[in-house]
């Protein structure tokens, strides 16, 4: 970028609300987690694109834990916010809430983080605007995002290593207290 630009967190915050219909149900009668993941990906894309002003792709998803089931008939709101920006990527925090429209009972069903990268029309990574932090919560979330980026990098490095340099004895020691048996056969 010729000159650095900055945008407020509020400039790209996005809320998506959708009715959970019967075709979204899994075999247990609850809304399928894959449906919720798809909606999270959609709201992350919209939020990241609004911040970057360009096409964005999903790089990673972290912290997806389903705290409570979503029922058919619930109104699900996904609230997305750019929490952290790097040079070409952003971490979008998403909070998912379900509300029963009849009882107005509300529940937080999960939160997670999508790492999104900005690309140009040729598919090349491009710089994203900086982030203007206007309160303590935004500052805290930015710092959390910085830590998450570091942990994600460590996780990727560990997964790429695949422990191929470790001996069988070292690997067996790693699993000695786990529910696993190594049987050569």
C-alpha atoms as a PDB file:
ATOM      1  CA  UNK A   1       0.000   0.000   0.000  1.00  0.00           C
ATOM      2  CA  UNK A   2       1.227   3.470  -0.782  1.00  0.00           C
ATOM      3  CA  UNK A   3      -0.193   4.889   2.426  1.00  0.00           C
ATOM      4  CA  UNK A   4      -1.544   2.995   5.380  1.00  0.00           C
ATOM      5  CA  UNK A   5      -5.299   3.173   5.840  1.00  0.00           C
ATOM      6  CA  UNK A   6      -7.224   2.355   8.995  1.00  0.00           C
ATOM      7  CA  UNK A   7     -10.852   1.469   9.606  1.00  0.00           C
ATOM      8  CA  UNK A   8     -12.945   1.287  12.739  1.00  0.00           C
ATOM      9  CA  UNK A   9     -14.061  -2.081  14.047  1.00  0.00           C
ATOM     10  CA  UNK A  10     -17.669  -0.866  13.761  1.00  0.00           C
ATOM     11  CA  UNK A  11     -17.254  -0.185  10.019  1.00  0.00           C
ATOM     12  CA  UNK A  12     -17.272  -3.894   9.223  1.00  0.00           C
ATOM     13  CA  UNK A  13     -19.265  -5.429  12.070  1.00  0.00           C
ATOM     14  CA  UNK A  14     -21.938  -7.685  10.648  1.00  0.00           C
ATOM     15  CA  UNK A  15     -24.957  -9.516  12.035  1.00  0.00           C
ATOM     16  CA  UNK A  16     -26.702 -12.265  10.101  1.00  0.00           C
ATOM     17  CA  UNK A  17     -29.981 -13.676  11.414  1.00  0.00           C
ATOM     18  CA  UNK A  18     -31.603 -16.750   9.949  1.00  0.00           C
ATOM     19  CA  UNK A  19     -34.563 -18.965  10.798  1.00  0.00           C
ATOM     20  CA  UNK A  20     -33.611 -22.593  11.439  1.00  0.00           C
ATOM     21  CA  UNK A  21     -35.869 -24.690   9.194  1.00  0.00           C
ATOM     22  CA  UNK A  22     -36.617 -28.444   9.291  1.00  0.00           C
ATOM     23  CA  UNK A  23     -34.279 -29.230   6.374  1.00  0.00           C
ATOM     24  CA  UNK A  24     -31.385 -28.025   8.606  1.00  0.00           C
ATOM     25  CA  UNK A  25     -32.012 -30.798  11.149  1.00  0.00           C
ATOM     26  CA  UNK A  26     -29.574 -33.645  11.767  1.00  0.00           C
ATOM     27  CA  UNK A  27     -30.537 -37.215  12.708  1.00  0.00           C
ATOM     28  CA  UNK A  28     -30.997 -36.125  16.326  1.00  0.00           C
ATOM     29  CA  UNK A  29     -33.561 -33.477  15.385  1.00  0.00           C
ATOM     30  CA  UNK A  30     -31.270 -30.559  16.190  1.00  0.00           C
ATOM     31  CA  UNK A  31     -29.738 -28.119  13.682  1.00  0.00           C
ATOM     32  CA  UNK A  32     -26.741 -29.745  12.005  1.00  0.00           C
ATOM     33  CA  UNK A  33     -23.378 -28.290  13.011  1.00  0.00           C
ATOM     34  CA  UNK A  34     -22.385 -28.094   9.353  1.00  0.00           C
ATOM     35  CA  UNK A  35     -25.253 -25.684   8.689  1.00  0.00           C
ATOM     36  CA  UNK A  36     -24.016 -23.437  11.489  1.00  0.00           C
ATOM     37  CA  UNK A  37     -20.422 -23.653  10.187  1.00  0.00           C
ATOM     38  CA  UNK A  38     -21.618 -22.622   6.736  1.00  0.00           C
ATOM     39  CA  UNK A  39     -23.443 -19.615   8.193  1.00  0.00           C
ATOM     40  CA  UNK A  40     -20.360 -18.698  10.249  1.00  0.00           C
ATOM     41  CA  UNK A  41     -18.224 -18.846   7.096  1.00  0.00           C
ATOM     42  CA  UNK A  42     -20.705 -16.602   5.297  1.00  0.00           C
ATOM     43  CA  UNK A  43     -20.794 -13.941   8.017  1.00  0.00           C
ATOM     44  CA  UNK A  44     -16.978 -14.075   8.369  1.00  0.00           C
ATOM     45  CA  UNK A  45     -16.662 -13.475   4.622  1.00  0.00           C
ATOM     46  CA  UNK A  46     -19.031 -10.490   4.697  1.00  0.00           C
ATOM     47  CA  UNK A  47     -17.290  -8.928   7.700  1.00  0.00           C
ATOM     48  CA  UNK A  48     -13.768  -9.469   6.281  1.00  0.00           C
ATOM     49  CA  UNK A  49     -14.752  -8.204   2.835  1.00  0.00           C
ATOM     50  CA  UNK A  50     -16.272  -5.060   4.329  1.00  0.00           C
ATOM     51  CA  UNK A  51     -13.009  -4.390   6.181  1.00  0.00           C
ATOM     52  CA  UNK A  52     -10.616  -5.292   3.358  1.00  0.00           C
ATOM     53  CA  UNK A  53     -12.651  -3.847   0.513  1.00  0.00           C
ATOM     54  CA  UNK A  54     -11.771  -6.920  -1.545  1.00  0.00           C
ATOM     55  CA  UNK A  55     -12.438 -10.604  -2.054  1.00  0.00           C
ATOM     56  CA  UNK A  56     -11.498 -12.700   0.994  1.00  0.00           C
ATOM     57  CA  UNK A  57     -10.931 -16.402   1.563  1.00  0.00           C
ATOM     58  CA  UNK A  58     -11.121 -18.543   4.674  1.00  0.00           C
ATOM     59  CA  UNK A  59      -7.673 -19.618   5.873  1.00  0.00           C
ATOM     60  CA  UNK A  60      -8.461 -21.256   9.219  1.00  0.00           C
ATOM     61  CA  UNK A  61     -11.201 -21.787  11.767  1.00  0.00           C
ATOM     62  CA  UNK A  62     -10.380 -21.940  15.473  1.00  0.00           C
ATOM     63  CA  UNK A  63     -12.305 -22.509  18.662  1.00  0.00           C
ATOM     64  CA  UNK A  64     -15.509 -24.006  17.296  1.00  0.00           C
ATOM     65  CA  UNK A  65     -17.209 -25.628  20.275  1.00  0.00           C
ATOM     66  CA  UNK A  66     -20.949 -26.163  20.278  1.00  0.00           C
ATOM     67  CA  UNK A  67     -22.054 -25.197  23.796  1.00  0.00           C
ATOM     68  CA  UNK A  68     -25.740 -25.988  23.393  1.00  0.00           C
ATOM     69  CA  UNK A  69     -27.920 -27.328  20.592  1.00  0.00           C
ATOM     70  CA  UNK A  70     -29.848 -25.133  18.192  1.00  0.00           C
ATOM     71  CA  UNK A  71     -33.470 -26.116  17.683  1.00  0.00           C
ATOM     72  CA  UNK A  72     -35.489 -26.080  14.492  1.00  0.00           C
ATOM     73  CA  UNK A  73     -37.606 -22.908  14.676  1.00  0.00           C
ATOM     74  CA  UNK A  74     -34.931 -20.902  16.488  1.00  0.00           C
ATOM     75  CA  UNK A  75     -33.744 -17.572  15.121  1.00  0.00           C
ATOM     76  CA  UNK A  76     -29.953 -17.766  14.966  1.00  0.00           C
ATOM     77  CA  UNK A  77     -27.970 -14.534  14.998  1.00  0.00           C
ATOM     78  CA  UNK A  78     -24.298 -14.572  14.070  1.00  0.00           C
ATOM     79  CA  UNK A  79     -22.414 -11.457  15.151  1.00  0.00           C
ATOM     80  CA  UNK A  80     -19.056 -10.947  13.428  1.00  0.00           C
ATOM     81  CA  UNK A  81     -16.317  -8.443  14.126  1.00  0.00           C
ATOM     82  CA  UNK A  82     -12.756  -8.002  12.875  1.00  0.00           C
ATOM     83  CA  UNK A  83     -10.739  -8.530  16.052  1.00  0.00           C
ATOM     84  CA  UNK A  84      -7.198  -8.526  14.636  1.00  0.00           C
ATOM     85  CA  UNK A  85      -5.446  -7.621  11.411  1.00  0.00           C
ATOM     86  CA  UNK A  86      -2.055  -8.680  10.133  1.00  0.00           C
ATOM     87  CA  UNK A  87      -0.526  -7.637   6.845  1.00  0.00           C
ATOM     88  CA  UNK A  88      -2.865  -9.611   4.542  1.00  0.00           C
ATOM     89  CA  UNK A  89      -5.110 -11.461   6.980  1.00  0.00           C
ATOM     90  CA  UNK A  90      -7.751 -10.739   9.580  1.00  0.00           C
ATOM     91  CA  UNK A  91      -9.139 -12.681  12.500  1.00  0.00           C
ATOM     92  CA  UNK A  92     -12.921 -12.382  12.610  1.00  0.00           C
ATOM     93  CA  UNK A  93     -14.565 -13.210  15.928  1.00  0.00           C
ATOM     94  CA  UNK A  94     -18.054 -14.669  15.693  1.00  0.00           C
ATOM     95  CA  UNK A  95     -20.642 -15.047  18.433  1.00  0.00           C
ATOM     96  CA  UNK A  96     -23.635 -17.275  17.696  1.00  0.00           C
ATOM     97  CA  UNK A  97     -26.875 -16.817  19.606  1.00  0.00           C
ATOM     98  CA  UNK A  98     -30.156 -18.683  19.262  1.00  0.00           C
ATOM     99  CA  UNK A  99     -33.521 -17.281  20.280  1.00  0.00           C
ATOM    100  CA  UNK A 100     -36.799 -19.144  20.503  1.00  0.00           C
ATOM    101  CA  UNK A 101     -39.198 -16.625  18.925  1.00  0.00           C
ATOM    102  CA  UNK A 102     -42.200 -17.901  20.924  1.00  0.00           C
ATOM    103  CA  UNK A 103     -40.649 -17.885  24.406  1.00  0.00           C
ATOM    104  CA  UNK A 104     -37.967 -15.280  23.610  1.00  0.00           C
ATOM    105  CA  UNK A 105     -35.567 -17.534  25.470  1.00  0.00           C
ATOM    106  CA  UNK A 106     -32.047 -16.711  24.346  1.00  0.00           C
ATOM    107  CA  UNK A 107     -28.867 -18.813  24.520  1.00  0.00           C
ATOM    108  CA  UNK A 108     -25.257 -18.354  23.466  1.00  0.00           C
ATOM    109  CA  UNK A 109     -24.532 -21.464  21.392  1.00  0.00           C
ATOM    110  CA  UNK A 110     -20.907 -20.875  20.433  1.00  0.00           C
ATOM    111  CA  UNK A 111     -18.122 -18.481  19.589  1.00  0.00           C
ATOM    112  CA  UNK A 112     -15.242 -19.010  17.201  1.00  0.00           C
ATOM    113  CA  UNK A 113     -12.566 -17.308  15.133  1.00  0.00           C
ATOM    114  CA  UNK A 114     -12.149 -17.309  11.363  1.00  0.00           C
ATOM    115  CA  UNK A 115      -8.841 -16.260   9.846  1.00  0.00           C
ATOM    116  CA  UNK A 116      -9.572 -14.599   6.525  1.00  0.00           C
ATOM    117  CA  UNK A 117      -7.092 -13.426   3.867  1.00  0.00           C
ATOM    118  CA  UNK A 118      -7.660 -10.650   1.327  1.00  0.00           C
ATOM    119  CA  UNK A 119      -6.952 -11.281  -2.352  1.00  0.00           C
ATOM    120  CA  UNK A 120      -6.968  -9.214  -5.526  1.00  0.00           C
ATOM    121  CA  UNK A 121      -8.613 -10.089  -8.851  1.00  0.00           C
ATOM    122  CA  UNK A 122      -5.563 -12.238  -9.765  1.00  0.00           C
ATOM    123  CA  UNK A 123      -5.833 -14.321  -6.575  1.00  0.00           C
ATOM    124  CA  UNK A 124      -2.755 -12.707  -5.007  1.00  0.00           C
ATOM    125  CA  UNK A 125      -2.676 -11.742  -1.335  1.00  0.00           C
ATOM    126  CA  UNK A 126      -3.054  -8.023  -0.697  1.00  0.00           C
ATOM    127  CA  UNK A 127      -2.555  -5.776   2.320  1.00  0.00           C
ATOM    128  CA  UNK A 128      -5.566  -5.026   4.491  1.00  0.00           C
ATOM    129  CA  UNK A 129      -6.334  -1.748   6.268  1.00  0.00           C
ATOM    130  CA  UNK A 130      -5.218  -1.322   9.856  1.00  0.00           C
ATOM    131  CA  UNK A 131      -7.710  -1.403  12.699  1.00  0.00           C
ATOM    132  CA  UNK A 132      -8.751   1.592  14.803  1.00  0.00           C
ATOM    133  CA  UNK A 133      -9.297   0.368  18.371  1.00  0.00           C
ATOM    134  CA  UNK A 134     -11.741   2.635  20.211  1.00  0.00           C
ATOM    135  CA  UNK A 135     -12.245   0.938  23.572  1.00  0.00           C
ATOM    136  CA  UNK A 136     -10.749  -1.569  26.034  1.00  0.00           C
ATOM    137  CA  UNK A 137     -12.760  -4.485  24.666  1.00  0.00           C
ATOM    138  CA  UNK A 138     -11.466  -3.900  21.124  1.00  0.00           C
ATOM    139  CA  UNK A 139      -7.912  -3.578  22.462  1.00  0.00           C
ATOM    140  CA  UNK A 140      -8.306  -6.832  24.423  1.00  0.00           C
ATOM    141  CA  UNK A 141      -9.723  -8.648  21.396  1.00  0.00           C
ATOM    142  CA  UNK A 142      -6.875  -7.396  19.205  1.00  0.00           C
ATOM    143  CA  UNK A 143      -4.334  -8.727  21.719  1.00  0.00           C
ATOM    144  CA  UNK A 144      -6.229 -12.040  21.972  1.00  0.00           C
ATOM    145  CA  UNK A 145      -6.132 -12.256  18.170  1.00  0.00           C
ATOM    146  CA  UNK A 146      -2.391 -11.699  18.201  1.00  0.00           C
ATOM    147  CA  UNK A 147      -2.007 -14.593  20.656  1.00  0.00           C
ATOM    148  CA  UNK A 148      -4.364 -16.767  18.609  1.00  0.00           C
ATOM    149  CA  UNK A 149      -2.293 -16.113  15.478  1.00  0.00           C
ATOM    150  CA  UNK A 150       0.848 -17.228  17.308  1.00  0.00           C
ATOM    151  CA  UNK A 151      -0.815 -20.381  18.695  1.00  0.00           C
ATOM    152  CA  UNK A 152      -2.258 -21.226  15.255  1.00  0.00           C
ATOM    153  CA  UNK A 153       1.204 -20.957  13.722  1.00  0.00           C
ATOM    154  CA  UNK A 154       2.614 -23.320  16.371  1.00  0.00           C
ATOM    155  CA  UNK A 155      -0.248 -25.761  15.736  1.00  0.00           C
ATOM    156  CA  UNK A 156       0.393 -25.749  11.970  1.00  0.00           C
ATOM    157  CA  UNK A 157       4.102 -26.376  12.535  1.00  0.00           C
ATOM    158  CA  UNK A 158       3.337 -29.291  14.862  1.00  0.00           C
ATOM    159  CA  UNK A 159       0.908 -30.851  12.389  1.00  0.00           C
ATOM    160  CA  UNK A 160       3.406 -30.495   9.545  1.00  0.00           C
ATOM    161  CA  UNK A 161       6.117 -32.185  11.604  1.00  0.00           C
ATOM    162  CA  UNK A 162       3.968 -35.346  11.915  1.00  0.00           C
ATOM    163  CA  UNK A 163       6.445 -36.657  14.521  1.00  0.00           C
ATOM    164  CA  UNK A 164       8.292 -38.533  11.750  1.00  0.00           C
ATOM    165  CA  UNK A 165      11.633 -38.007  13.478  1.00  0.00           C
ATOM    166  CA  UNK A 166      10.494 -39.681  16.689  1.00  0.00           C
ATOM    167  CA  UNK A 167      11.384 -43.307  17.400  1.00  0.00           C
ATOM    168  CA  UNK A 168       8.720 -45.960  17.970  1.00  0.00           C
ATOM    169  CA  UNK A 169       9.740 -46.053  21.647  1.00  0.00           C
ATOM    170  CA  UNK A 170       9.219 -42.281  21.973  1.00  0.00           C
ATOM    171  CA  UNK A 171       5.818 -42.514  20.268  1.00  0.00           C
ATOM    172  CA  UNK A 172       4.774 -45.429  22.500  1.00  0.00           C
ATOM    173  CA  UNK A 173       5.773 -43.390  25.545  1.00  0.00           C
ATOM    174  CA  UNK A 174       3.510 -40.572  24.312  1.00  0.00           C
ATOM    175  CA  UNK A 175       0.461 -42.862  24.229  1.00  0.00           C
ATOM    176  CA  UNK A 176       1.137 -45.023  27.287  1.00  0.00           C
ATOM    177  CA  UNK A 177      -1.748 -43.497  29.307  1.00  0.00           C
ATOM    178  CA  UNK A 178      -4.187 -43.163  26.403  1.00  0.00           C
ATOM    179  CA  UNK A 179      -6.954 -45.424  25.182  1.00  0.00           C
ATOM    180  CA  UNK A 180      -4.862 -46.854  22.366  1.00  0.00           C
ATOM    181  CA  UNK A 181      -3.039 -50.106  21.693  1.00  0.00           C
ATOM    182  CA  UNK A 182      -0.171 -50.462  19.264  1.00  0.00           C
ATOM    183  CA  UNK A 183      -0.279 -53.942  17.745  1.00  0.00           C
ATOM    184  CA  UNK A 184       2.102 -54.899  14.956  1.00  0.00           C
ATOM    185  CA  UNK A 185       0.774 -57.536  12.917  1.00  0.00           C
END
